[in-house]
Amino acid sequence: MILALDTATAILSAALVSEGRSWYREIDAGLGHSELLMDMADSLLKEAGLAAGDLGAVACMKGPGSFTGLRIGFSAAKGMALALDIPLIACPTLDCMAYPWSVWPGLVVPVMDARKGRFFTARYRGGTRISEEMDAEPGAIEEALLSAGEPVILTGPDAPLFFSRLEAEKGAAGRIRMDPLYRKGRGMELAALAKKTAIMNNGKGDVYSGPQYLRKSDAEY
């Protein structure tokens, strides 16, 4: 049984997956992740009629994402993993955002606002990441999309903001479609990828891992 905690964006979500059954919660938490996360996890366990001791693993978002949100997610997941002696599995945020579009016949491009006129993104095809995770300006991302010559599905919490930049440049926008559920928590996708990761790693996790940042926080500049 896996408890997945998605704290990478303003949309806080959590999923509990056990023996073919699943339970899910999400809320637009803004900056309230620390106050809401554990109550959300507890309510999932109560709804499922399970206790924390029944968990086989806990998962969280690896990043990129909100600096504070990622730290909150890792802190909660590590605390549970250490207390219960279960694996901690961290999965890349962009992988989770792209996961629902694994059968899309073209490029899947999740985007997150990285501030300073830039975006966190990566490109996927057939459920596989085909580029490095990027911290890039819209023009550089657009150039990569144009060179591919494929239909594009845009997803992630800041897809509309990124799309507006493409419209202004009159480039790849004509071939891009928008995921109607772009601004959604990815707790279920996190649970699915964490399960795959656990199988590949023979059930082992890394309780001493930490968030992956593509850029320093503003406080570190």
Protein backbone atom coordinates (compact mmCIF):
# COMPACT_ATOMS: atom_id res chain seq x y z
CA MET A 1 0.00 0.00 0.00
CA ILE A 2 1.39 3.38 -1.04
CA LEU A 3 0.57 6.82 0.34
CA ALA A 4 1.53 9.52 -2.18
CA LEU A 5 1.92 13.17 -1.12
CA ASP A 6 1.94 15.82 -3.86
CA THR A 7 3.10 19.16 -2.48
CA ALA A 8 4.96 20.53 -5.51
CA THR A 9 2.36 23.14 -6.52
CA ALA A 10 -0.46 25.16 -4.99
CA ILE A 11 -2.78 22.20 -5.65
CA LEU A 12 -2.13 19.93 -2.69
CA SER A 13 -3.11 16.31 -3.30
CA ALA A 14 -2.72 12.91 -1.70
CA ALA A 15 -3.54 9.41 -2.88
CA LEU A 16 -3.72 6.06 -1.14
CA VAL A 17 -3.47 2.97 -3.33
CA SER A 18 -3.96 -0.53 -1.96
CA GLU A 19 -4.68 -3.86 -3.68
CA GLY A 20 -6.47 -2.41 -6.69
CA ARG A 21 -8.39 0.21 -4.70
CA SER A 22 -7.60 3.89 -4.38
CA TRP A 23 -8.61 6.96 -2.41
CA TYR A 24 -7.83 10.53 -3.38
CA ARG A 25 -8.00 14.09 -2.06
CA GLU A 26 -6.98 17.44 -3.51
CA ILE A 27 -7.41 21.07 -2.55
CA ASP A 28 -6.14 24.43 -3.76
CA ALA A 29 -4.03 24.98 -0.66
CA GLY A 30 -2.15 28.11 -1.69
CA LEU A 31 0.52 28.40 1.02
CA GLY A 32 -1.30 26.16 3.50
CA HIS A 33 0.38 22.82 2.77
CA SER A 34 1.92 22.43 6.22
CA GLU A 35 -1.45 22.92 7.94
CA LEU A 36 -3.42 20.61 5.64
CA LEU A 37 -1.14 17.79 4.51
CA MET A 38 -1.21 15.44 7.49
CA ASP A 39 -4.95 15.92 8.04
CA MET A 40 -5.48 15.00 4.38
CA ALA A 41 -3.35 11.87 4.73
CA ASP A 42 -5.14 10.90 7.94
CA SER A 43 -8.56 11.31 6.34
CA LEU A 44 -7.56 9.00 3.48
CA LEU A 45 -6.47 6.29 5.91
CA LYS A 46 -9.69 6.63 7.90
CA GLU A 47 -11.82 6.43 4.77
CA ALA A 48 -9.97 3.28 3.72
CA GLY A 49 -10.34 1.77 7.17
CA LEU A 50 -6.57 1.47 7.50
CA ALA A 51 -3.88 2.63 9.90
CA ALA A 52 -0.50 4.19 9.23
CA GLY A 53 1.10 0.89 10.24
CA ASP A 54 -0.52 -0.74 7.21
CA LEU A 55 1.49 1.39 4.79
CA GLY A 56 4.11 -0.35 2.65
CA ALA A 57 5.69 2.81 1.23
CA VAL A 58 5.30 6.57 1.15
CA ALA A 59 5.96 8.72 -1.93
CA CYS A 60 6.55 12.42 -2.51
CA MET A 61 7.40 14.73 -5.38
CA LYS A 62 11.12 15.02 -6.05
CA GLY A 63 10.90 18.36 -7.88
CA PRO A 64 11.00 20.75 -9.55
CA GLY A 65 8.33 22.74 -7.80
CA SER A 66 7.68 25.12 -4.94
CA PHE A 67 10.76 25.28 -2.69
CA THR A 68 8.63 25.35 0.44
CA GLY A 69 6.13 22.79 -0.84
CA LEU A 70 8.81 20.26 -1.75
CA ARG A 71 10.45 20.61 1.65
CA ILE A 72 7.12 20.08 3.41
CA GLY A 73 6.44 16.97 1.33
CA PHE A 74 9.86 15.48 1.98
CA SER A 75 9.69 16.26 5.71
CA ALA A 76 6.33 14.53 6.08
CA ALA A 77 7.32 11.56 3.93
CA LYS A 78 10.67 11.09 5.67
CA GLY A 79 9.05 11.28 9.10
CA MET A 80 6.55 8.57 8.17
CA ALA A 81 9.16 6.40 6.43
CA LEU A 82 11.51 6.49 9.41
CA ALA A 83 8.79 6.00 12.02
CA LEU A 84 7.19 3.09 10.16
CA ASP A 85 10.41 1.65 8.70
CA ILE A 86 9.07 1.72 5.15
CA PRO A 87 10.60 2.92 1.85
CA LEU A 88 10.47 6.56 0.79
CA ILE A 89 10.12 6.93 -2.98
CA ALA A 90 10.56 10.35 -4.61
CA CYS A 91 9.42 10.82 -8.22
CA PRO A 92 10.14 13.73 -10.60
CA THR A 93 7.27 16.21 -10.66
CA LEU A 94 7.27 16.69 -14.44
CA ASP A 95 7.13 12.91 -14.97
CA CYS A 96 3.95 12.78 -12.88
CA MET A 97 2.38 15.65 -14.83
CA ALA A 98 3.13 13.98 -18.17
CA TYR A 99 2.03 10.49 -17.10
CA PRO A 100 -1.71 10.75 -17.98
CA TRP A 101 -0.78 11.53 -21.60
CA SER A 102 1.50 8.55 -22.19
CA VAL A 103 -0.53 7.46 -25.25
CA TRP A 104 -0.65 10.92 -26.85
CA PRO A 105 0.63 10.66 -30.50
CA GLY A 106 3.19 13.42 -30.23
CA LEU A 107 4.97 15.48 -27.60
CA VAL A 108 3.75 15.94 -24.05
CA VAL A 109 5.10 19.12 -22.46
CA PRO A 110 4.38 19.87 -18.78
CA VAL A 111 5.29 23.40 -17.70
CA MET A 112 5.66 25.15 -14.37
CA ASP A 113 6.28 28.85 -13.86
CA ALA A 114 9.87 29.25 -12.67
CA ARG A 115 9.49 33.05 -12.30
CA LYS A 116 11.86 35.59 -13.83
CA GLY A 117 10.22 34.94 -17.23
CA ARG A 118 11.27 31.28 -17.31
CA PHE A 119 9.62 27.86 -17.05
CA PHE A 120 10.50 24.42 -15.73
CA THR A 121 9.72 21.86 -18.41
CA ALA A 122 10.73 18.66 -20.21
CA ARG A 123 9.52 16.81 -23.30
CA TYR A 124 7.93 13.36 -23.35
CA ARG A 125 6.93 10.92 -26.06
CA GLY A 126 5.10 7.64 -25.52
CA GLY A 127 5.39 7.89 -21.76
CA THR A 128 9.18 8.38 -21.85
CA ARG A 129 11.10 11.56 -21.13
CA ILE A 130 13.16 12.46 -24.20
CA SER A 131 14.87 15.60 -22.92
CA GLU A 132 16.58 16.87 -19.82
CA GLU A 133 14.53 18.86 -17.35
CA MET A 134 14.91 22.50 -18.31
CA ASP A 135 14.81 25.90 -16.65
CA ALA A 136 14.34 27.92 -19.84
CA GLU A 137 12.84 30.98 -21.48
CA PRO A 138 9.69 30.48 -23.59
CA GLY A 139 11.56 31.14 -26.83
CA ALA A 140 14.03 28.31 -26.23
CA ILE A 141 11.22 25.89 -25.40
CA GLU A 142 9.26 27.00 -28.48
CA GLU A 143 12.28 26.38 -30.71
CA ALA A 144 12.48 22.78 -29.48
CA LEU A 145 8.76 22.26 -30.14
CA LEU A 146 8.95 23.70 -33.64
CA SER A 147 11.93 21.54 -34.59
CA ALA A 148 10.08 18.37 -33.60
CA GLY A 149 7.24 18.94 -36.09
CA GLU A 150 4.74 16.95 -33.98
CA PRO A 151 1.41 17.67 -32.32
CA VAL A 152 1.92 18.92 -28.76
CA ILE A 153 -0.20 18.59 -25.64
CA LEU A 154 0.58 21.20 -23.01
CA THR A 155 -0.09 20.39 -19.36
CA GLY A 156 0.93 21.48 -15.89
CA PRO A 157 -0.34 24.24 -13.59
CA ASP A 158 1.08 27.09 -15.65
CA ALA A 159 0.17 25.83 -19.14
CA PRO A 160 -2.07 28.87 -19.92
CA LEU A 161 0.67 31.33 -18.97
CA PHE A 162 3.19 29.53 -21.16
CA PHE A 163 0.69 29.24 -24.03
CA SER A 164 0.05 32.99 -23.92
CA ARG A 165 3.76 33.57 -24.47
CA LEU A 166 3.68 31.30 -27.54
CA GLU A 167 0.62 33.09 -28.92
CA ALA A 168 2.52 36.36 -28.63
CA GLU A 169 5.36 34.91 -30.69
CA LYS A 170 3.01 33.29 -33.29
CA GLY A 171 5.19 30.21 -33.46
CA ALA A 172 4.25 26.75 -32.22
CA ALA A 173 0.92 27.86 -30.76
CA GLY A 174 -1.09 26.62 -33.76
CA ARG A 175 -0.05 23.02 -33.18
CA ILE A 176 -0.48 23.00 -29.42
CA ARG A 177 -3.49 21.66 -27.54
CA MET A 178 -4.20 22.33 -23.90
CA ASP A 179 -4.83 19.61 -21.33
CA PRO A 180 -8.29 20.49 -19.92
CA LEU A 181 -7.13 19.20 -16.52
CA TYR A 182 -3.84 21.09 -16.58
CA ARG A 183 -4.33 22.54 -13.09
CA LYS A 184 -4.84 19.36 -11.15
CA GLY A 185 -3.10 17.57 -8.32
CA ARG A 186 -0.99 14.60 -9.36
CA GLY A 187 -1.22 12.40 -6.28
CA MET A 188 -2.63 9.43 -8.22
CA GLU A 189 0.06 9.70 -10.89
CA LEU A 190 2.71 9.94 -8.18
CA ALA A 191 1.38 6.75 -6.60
CA ALA A 192 1.45 4.93 -9.95
CA LEU A 193 5.02 5.98 -10.75
CA ALA A 194 6.16 5.24 -7.19
CA LYS A 195 4.79 1.71 -7.53
CA LYS A 196 6.75 1.21 -10.77
CA THR A 197 9.88 2.62 -9.18
CA ALA A 198 9.53 0.34 -6.16
CA ILE A 199 9.24 -2.70 -8.43
CA MET A 200 12.32 -1.70 -10.43
CA ASN A 201 14.30 -1.10 -7.22
CA ASN A 202 13.14 -4.33 -5.55
CA GLY A 203 11.08 -2.41 -3.02
CA LYS A 204 13.93 -0.19 -1.89
CA GLY A 205 13.59 3.53 -1.35
CA ASP A 206 15.90 6.31 -0.21
CA VAL A 207 14.86 7.93 3.04
CA TYR A 208 17.93 10.20 2.90
CA SER A 209 17.12 11.72 -0.50
CA GLY A 210 16.08 15.35 -0.85
CA PRO A 211 14.32 17.72 -3.25
CA GLN A 212 15.71 18.28 -6.72
CA TYR A 213 16.00 21.97 -7.54
CA LEU A 214 16.74 23.21 -11.04
CA ARG A 215 17.53 26.64 -9.61
CA LYS A 216 18.50 28.22 -6.31
CA SER A 217 15.74 29.84 -4.28
CA ASP A 218 15.50 33.63 -4.43
CA ALA A 219 16.85 33.76 -0.89
CA GLU A 220 20.11 32.11 -2.04
CA TYR A 221 20.92 34.66 -4.75
